[in-house]
């Protein structure tokens, strides 16, 4: 994958993709580049105004794009169910599901369903979404000789800062905003690990993979300090983005590689090549706890219980 760029994305004509959090940052770039290569793309975003603006911007940048905005709030399981139902009414296939949306280092809060915000949005929302869309992914995969469908979850190198606490998934005993973020990113990797294992067990060619953008200049870094009115922190993050971060275009490449490159296999983890910070896509180091079968199974069981979403299609 040395020097892999967006120009290396295989032709995506006839394929349909859902990208969560596609209104800005690496999510928008991911959606735009998939559309540029011929995919029909659904921009799944929480804000109707920002989602509509992103779809309009994409249409200008890629005039022949087949893309539309559909509202999705990962912090509200009713919204996740509504999105999945709307998708089933409008589309008959799903080749790529890019679980990109996320929040980072927020003050302690709760989702509409009462989950700690970062765990609820970053992991449980995507767990529920994938489960609801899985029958369509399975039905699409391998049809007419096409490449298998894929699920790509966007994690972070920050996952290495903390393992999950299976007995305190919602950080009720103690809350640290960066610890909660790291745990949610570990959960993303454990989810991919367990999903890949379960897909293999039923003989499916759906690929579950993970990626991370390294340090990319997006609005993710400034969202939390803006919420808290910490102007100095906002300024610090903005300076860091300008001086040290790679662009959103570069940060999206690992996601695009995981979503489209034939070499990206099940349970792979792709990130920037230079110290997991910047550079072209490469195999990324991951903490050993993200490959723990027992932890993956326990998180899966708890996630089914908390969301009420059972992956019946993967059960023998």
Protein backbone atom coordinates (compact mmCIF):
# COMPACT_ATOMS: atom_id res chain seq x y z
CA UNK A 1 0.00 0.00 0.00
CA UNK A 2 3.07 2.25 -0.22
CA UNK A 3 2.10 5.70 -1.47
CA UNK A 4 -1.58 4.74 -1.79
CA UNK A 5 -3.75 7.77 -2.66
CA UNK A 6 -7.37 8.52 -3.52
CA UNK A 7 -6.47 7.94 -7.17
CA UNK A 8 -5.92 4.28 -6.30
CA UNK A 9 -9.53 3.74 -5.20
CA UNK A 10 -10.99 1.03 -7.46
CA UNK A 11 -14.02 1.85 -9.57
CA UNK A 12 -17.09 1.94 -7.30
CA UNK A 13 -19.75 2.08 -10.01
CA UNK A 14 -22.88 0.15 -9.05
CA UNK A 15 -21.96 0.18 -5.35
CA UNK A 16 -23.84 1.95 -2.57
CA UNK A 17 -22.18 3.44 0.49
CA UNK A 18 -23.35 4.92 3.78
CA UNK A 19 -20.92 7.26 5.54
CA UNK A 20 -21.85 8.50 9.01
CA UNK A 21 -20.73 11.97 10.03
CA UNK A 22 -20.24 12.87 6.38
CA UNK A 23 -20.96 16.58 6.73
CA UNK A 24 -17.35 17.57 7.54
CA UNK A 25 -13.78 16.42 8.07
CA UNK A 26 -12.67 12.95 7.05
CA UNK A 27 -16.29 11.79 6.75
CA UNK A 28 -17.02 14.35 4.06
CA UNK A 29 -13.81 13.53 2.20
CA UNK A 30 -14.60 9.81 2.40
CA UNK A 31 -18.07 10.36 0.97
CA UNK A 32 -16.79 12.71 -1.75
CA UNK A 33 -14.05 10.37 -2.94
CA UNK A 34 -16.36 7.35 -3.01
CA UNK A 35 -18.84 9.40 -5.06
CA UNK A 36 -16.03 10.56 -7.34
CA UNK A 37 -15.24 6.91 -8.11
CA UNK A 38 -18.87 6.18 -9.00
CA UNK A 39 -20.49 5.00 -5.75
CA UNK A 40 -23.98 6.06 -4.79
CA UNK A 41 -23.43 7.68 -1.38
CA UNK A 42 -25.73 8.39 1.55
CA UNK A 43 -24.47 11.14 3.85
CA UNK A 44 -25.77 10.11 7.27
CA UNK A 45 -25.53 13.19 9.52
CA UNK A 46 -27.18 14.47 12.68
CA UNK A 47 -27.71 18.08 11.59
CA UNK A 48 -30.13 18.60 8.73
CA UNK A 49 -28.63 22.00 7.91
CA UNK A 50 -25.04 20.76 7.84
CA UNK A 51 -25.95 17.53 6.08
CA UNK A 52 -27.86 19.35 3.35
CA UNK A 53 -25.02 21.85 2.93
CA UNK A 54 -22.51 19.00 2.62
CA UNK A 55 -24.62 17.28 -0.05
CA UNK A 56 -24.87 20.56 -1.97
CA UNK A 57 -21.10 21.11 -1.68
CA UNK A 58 -20.39 17.58 -2.85
CA UNK A 59 -22.62 18.10 -5.89
CA UNK A 60 -20.52 21.14 -6.84
CA UNK A 61 -17.18 19.36 -6.34
CA UNK A 62 -18.34 16.16 -8.09
CA UNK A 63 -21.01 17.30 -10.59
CA UNK A 64 -22.02 13.77 -11.62
CA UNK A 65 -22.21 12.47 -8.05
CA UNK A 66 -25.14 10.36 -6.90
CA UNK A 67 -25.34 11.46 -3.27
CA UNK A 68 -27.99 12.46 -0.79
CA UNK A 69 -28.33 13.42 2.85
CA UNK A 70 -30.41 11.30 5.24
CA UNK A 71 -30.65 12.34 8.89
CA UNK A 72 -29.08 10.09 11.52
CA UNK A 73 -28.48 10.88 15.19
CA UNK A 74 -26.28 8.16 16.64
CA UNK A 75 -27.04 9.43 20.13
CA UNK A 76 -30.70 8.46 19.76
CA UNK A 77 -31.59 4.83 19.05
CA UNK A 78 -35.01 5.86 17.75
CA UNK A 79 -33.21 7.93 15.10
CA UNK A 80 -30.97 4.97 14.26
CA UNK A 81 -34.03 2.76 13.75
CA UNK A 82 -35.72 5.44 11.65
CA UNK A 83 -32.64 5.76 9.46
CA UNK A 84 -32.41 2.00 8.93
CA UNK A 85 -36.11 1.81 8.06
CA UNK A 86 -35.80 4.73 5.63
CA UNK A 87 -32.76 3.13 4.05
CA UNK A 88 -34.60 -0.16 3.51
CA UNK A 89 -37.46 1.70 1.80
CA UNK A 90 -35.16 3.62 -0.57
CA UNK A 91 -32.27 1.25 -1.32
CA UNK A 92 -32.02 -2.43 -2.16
CA UNK A 93 -28.30 -2.92 -1.52
CA UNK A 94 -25.47 -1.77 0.76
CA UNK A 95 -21.87 -2.37 -0.25
CA UNK A 96 -20.01 -0.06 2.13
CA UNK A 97 -20.91 1.07 5.63
CA UNK A 98 -18.34 3.52 6.97
CA UNK A 99 -18.91 4.08 10.69
CA UNK A 100 -17.06 7.38 10.80
CA UNK A 101 -19.02 9.77 13.02
CA UNK A 102 -17.79 10.41 16.52
CA UNK A 103 -17.36 12.79 19.43
CA UNK A 104 -14.19 13.37 21.41
CA UNK A 105 -13.37 14.32 25.00
CA UNK A 106 -16.76 15.84 25.77
CA UNK A 107 -17.88 16.94 29.22
CA UNK A 108 -19.80 14.18 30.98
CA UNK A 109 -23.24 13.78 29.46
CA UNK A 110 -25.89 11.29 28.40
CA UNK A 111 -27.46 10.30 25.11
CA UNK A 112 -31.20 10.29 24.54
CA UNK A 113 -31.21 6.70 25.80
CA UNK A 114 -29.19 7.43 28.94
CA UNK A 115 -25.77 6.14 27.83
CA UNK A 116 -22.53 8.01 28.51
CA UNK A 117 -22.25 10.23 25.44
CA UNK A 118 -18.94 9.07 23.99
CA UNK A 119 -19.63 5.37 24.50
CA UNK A 120 -23.20 5.84 23.31
CA UNK A 121 -22.40 7.73 20.12
CA UNK A 122 -19.02 6.27 19.16
CA UNK A 123 -19.82 2.63 19.88
CA UNK A 124 -23.44 1.82 20.72
CA UNK A 125 -24.96 4.00 17.99
CA UNK A 126 -22.78 2.37 15.35
CA UNK A 127 -23.33 -1.09 16.85
CA UNK A 128 -27.09 -0.61 16.51
CA UNK A 129 -26.81 0.86 13.01
CA UNK A 130 -24.62 -1.99 11.75
CA UNK A 131 -26.93 -4.59 13.24
CA UNK A 132 -30.00 -3.07 11.61
CA UNK A 133 -28.29 -2.78 8.22
CA UNK A 134 -26.54 -6.15 8.40
CA UNK A 135 -29.23 -8.15 6.54
CA UNK A 136 -28.82 -5.80 3.56
CA UNK A 137 -25.03 -6.05 3.75
CA UNK A 138 -25.22 -9.84 3.81
CA UNK A 139 -27.69 -9.94 0.91
CA UNK A 140 -25.54 -7.57 -1.15
CA UNK A 141 -22.20 -9.25 -0.52
CA UNK A 142 -20.92 -11.36 -3.37
CA UNK A 143 -23.98 -10.70 -5.53
CA UNK A 144 -23.32 -10.90 -9.28
CA UNK A 145 -19.64 -11.54 -8.70
CA UNK A 146 -19.09 -8.10 -7.16
CA UNK A 147 -16.57 -7.57 -4.35
CA UNK A 148 -17.88 -8.41 -0.90
CA UNK A 149 -19.60 -5.75 1.19
CA UNK A 150 -17.59 -4.03 3.91
CA UNK A 151 -18.10 -2.45 7.30
CA UNK A 152 -15.38 0.03 8.27
CA UNK A 153 -15.23 1.45 11.80
CA UNK A 154 -13.11 4.53 12.42
CA UNK A 155 -11.16 4.21 15.66
CA UNK A 156 -8.18 6.23 16.90
CA UNK A 157 -4.60 5.68 18.00
CA UNK A 158 -5.88 7.13 21.28
CA UNK A 159 -7.52 3.76 21.94
CA UNK A 160 -4.17 2.72 23.43
CA UNK A 161 -4.77 5.02 26.42
CA UNK A 162 -7.49 2.85 27.96
CA UNK A 163 -9.13 -0.56 27.76
CA UNK A 164 -12.88 -0.84 28.30
CA UNK A 165 -14.24 -1.58 31.76
CA UNK A 166 -16.93 -4.17 31.04
CA UNK A 167 -18.40 -3.53 34.49
CA UNK A 168 -18.62 0.24 34.00
CA UNK A 169 -19.22 0.80 30.29
CA UNK A 170 -21.10 4.04 30.95
CA UNK A 171 -18.41 5.49 33.26
CA UNK A 172 -20.81 5.74 36.18
CA UNK A 173 -18.19 5.15 38.87
CA UNK A 174 -15.69 7.69 37.57
CA UNK A 175 -15.61 9.91 34.50
CA UNK A 176 -12.57 11.24 32.69
CA UNK A 177 -13.29 12.73 29.29
CA UNK A 178 -10.12 11.43 27.63
CA UNK A 179 -10.38 8.02 29.30
CA UNK A 180 -13.99 7.72 28.15
CA UNK A 181 -12.94 8.64 24.61
CA UNK A 182 -10.13 6.07 24.59
CA UNK A 183 -12.48 3.40 25.89
CA UNK A 184 -15.00 4.15 23.15
CA UNK A 185 -12.25 3.80 20.53
CA UNK A 186 -11.14 0.50 22.07
CA UNK A 187 -14.79 -0.57 21.83
CA UNK A 188 -14.73 0.24 18.11
CA UNK A 189 -11.80 -2.13 17.60
CA UNK A 190 -13.28 -4.88 19.77
CA UNK A 191 -16.51 -4.57 17.79
CA UNK A 192 -14.66 -5.05 14.50
CA UNK A 193 -12.72 -7.98 15.96
CA UNK A 194 -15.86 -9.76 17.13
CA UNK A 195 -17.88 -8.89 14.01
CA UNK A 196 -15.11 -10.31 11.80
CA UNK A 197 -15.08 -13.49 13.89
CA UNK A 198 -18.84 -13.92 13.67
CA UNK A 199 -18.94 -13.24 9.94
CA UNK A 200 -16.25 -15.86 9.38
CA UNK A 201 -18.22 -18.36 11.47
CA UNK A 202 -21.17 -18.21 9.04
CA UNK A 203 -18.92 -18.23 5.98
CA UNK A 204 -19.78 -14.68 4.91
CA UNK A 205 -17.49 -12.66 2.66
CA UNK A 206 -18.52 -9.37 4.29
CA UNK A 207 -15.32 -7.71 5.51
CA UNK A 208 -15.24 -5.94 8.88
CA UNK A 209 -12.20 -3.67 9.12
CA UNK A 210 -11.02 -0.65 11.07
CA UNK A 211 -9.06 2.50 10.34
CA UNK A 212 -7.84 5.64 12.04
CA UNK A 213 -6.84 9.03 10.60
CA UNK A 214 -3.79 9.77 12.76
CA UNK A 215 -3.72 13.45 13.64
CA UNK A 216 -5.94 15.10 11.05
CA UNK A 217 -7.15 18.68 11.07
CA UNK A 218 -10.91 18.49 11.65
CA UNK A 219 -13.46 20.13 13.93
CA UNK A 220 -13.33 17.11 16.27
CA UNK A 221 -10.55 18.68 18.32
CA UNK A 222 -12.36 21.96 18.98
CA UNK A 223 -15.91 20.69 19.56
CA UNK A 224 -15.56 20.00 23.29
CA UNK A 225 -13.75 23.24 24.28
CA UNK A 226 -16.28 25.23 22.23
CA UNK A 227 -19.13 23.55 24.15
CA UNK A 228 -17.50 24.61 27.41
CA UNK A 229 -16.57 28.10 26.26
CA UNK A 230 -12.84 27.41 26.76
CA UNK A 231 -11.52 29.92 24.23
CA UNK A 232 -7.85 29.35 25.08
CA UNK A 233 -8.23 25.61 24.47
CA UNK A 234 -9.99 26.26 21.17
CA UNK A 235 -7.13 28.50 20.10
CA UNK A 236 -4.54 25.93 21.21
CA UNK A 237 -6.25 23.16 19.21
CA UNK A 238 -6.52 25.39 16.14
CA UNK A 239 -2.81 26.20 16.28
CA UNK A 240 -1.99 22.50 16.72
CA UNK A 241 -4.10 21.65 13.69
CA UNK A 242 -2.26 24.19 11.57
CA UNK A 243 1.23 23.26 12.70
CA UNK A 244 1.18 19.51 13.21
CA UNK A 245 -1.92 17.88 11.73
CA UNK A 246 -2.27 16.46 8.26
CA UNK A 247 -5.22 17.52 6.13
CA UNK A 248 -8.66 15.94 6.27
CA UNK A 249 -7.95 14.67 2.74
CA UNK A 250 -4.89 12.76 4.03
CA UNK A 251 -6.71 11.67 7.21
CA UNK A 252 -9.47 10.07 5.14
CA UNK A 253 -7.10 7.83 3.19
CA UNK A 254 -6.94 5.01 5.79
CA UNK A 255 -10.76 4.85 5.82
CA UNK A 256 -10.88 4.84 2.04
CA UNK A 257 -8.21 2.14 1.89
CA UNK A 258 -10.06 -0.04 4.40
CA UNK A 259 -13.30 0.49 2.47
CA UNK A 260 -12.05 -0.19 -1.05
CA UNK A 261 -8.58 -1.75 -1.30
CA UNK A 262 -8.70 -5.48 -2.11
CA UNK A 263 -5.78 -6.00 0.30
CA UNK A 264 -7.71 -4.73 3.33
CA UNK A 265 -8.78 -7.93 5.05
CA UNK A 266 -11.06 -8.86 7.95
CA UNK A 267 -10.12 -7.33 11.32
CA UNK A 268 -7.37 -5.23 9.70
CA UNK A 269 -6.47 -1.86 11.20
CA UNK A 270 -5.19 0.80 8.81
CA UNK A 271 -3.65 4.14 9.79
CA UNK A 272 -1.02 6.64 8.68
CA UNK A 273 2.41 5.15 8.02
CA UNK A 274 4.57 7.64 9.95
CA UNK A 275 4.33 6.96 13.68
CA UNK A 276 0.55 6.47 13.28
CA UNK A 277 0.45 10.27 12.96
CA UNK A 278 0.58 11.15 9.27
CA UNK A 279 1.49 9.72 5.88
CA UNK A 280 0.02 7.21 3.44
CA UNK A 281 -2.10 4.27 4.68
CA UNK A 282 -0.29 1.38 6.34
CA UNK A 283 -1.00 -1.48 8.72
CA UNK A 284 -1.38 0.10 12.15
CA UNK A 285 -0.29 -1.13 15.57
CA UNK A 286 -3.14 -1.85 17.99
CA UNK A 287 -3.27 -2.63 21.69
CA UNK A 288 -3.37 -6.33 22.44
CA UNK A 289 -6.60 -5.96 24.40
CA UNK A 290 -8.43 -5.09 21.16
CA UNK A 291 -7.76 -8.65 19.94
CA UNK A 292 -9.11 -10.37 23.05
CA UNK A 293 -11.86 -12.82 22.04
CA UNK A 294 -13.44 -12.95 25.49
CA UNK A 295 -13.60 -9.18 25.81
CA UNK A 296 -15.06 -8.90 22.32
CA UNK A 297 -17.78 -11.41 23.11
CA UNK A 298 -18.67 -9.78 26.42
CA UNK A 299 -18.84 -6.31 24.88
CA UNK A 300 -21.01 -7.69 22.08
CA UNK A 301 -23.43 -9.30 24.51
CA UNK A 302 -23.68 -6.12 26.59
CA UNK A 303 -24.14 -4.02 23.46
CA UNK A 304 -27.03 -6.21 22.32
CA UNK A 305 -28.58 -5.92 25.77
CA UNK A 306 -28.16 -2.15 26.02
CA UNK A 307 -29.38 -1.33 22.51
CA UNK A 308 -31.99 -4.06 22.16
CA UNK A 309 -30.51 -4.83 18.73
CA UNK A 310 -29.82 -8.55 18.19
CA UNK A 311 -27.67 -9.68 15.28
CA UNK A 312 -29.96 -12.59 14.44
CA UNK A 313 -28.48 -12.93 10.94
CA UNK A 314 -25.18 -14.07 12.49
CA UNK A 315 -26.71 -16.71 14.71
CA UNK A 316 -26.59 -20.34 13.64
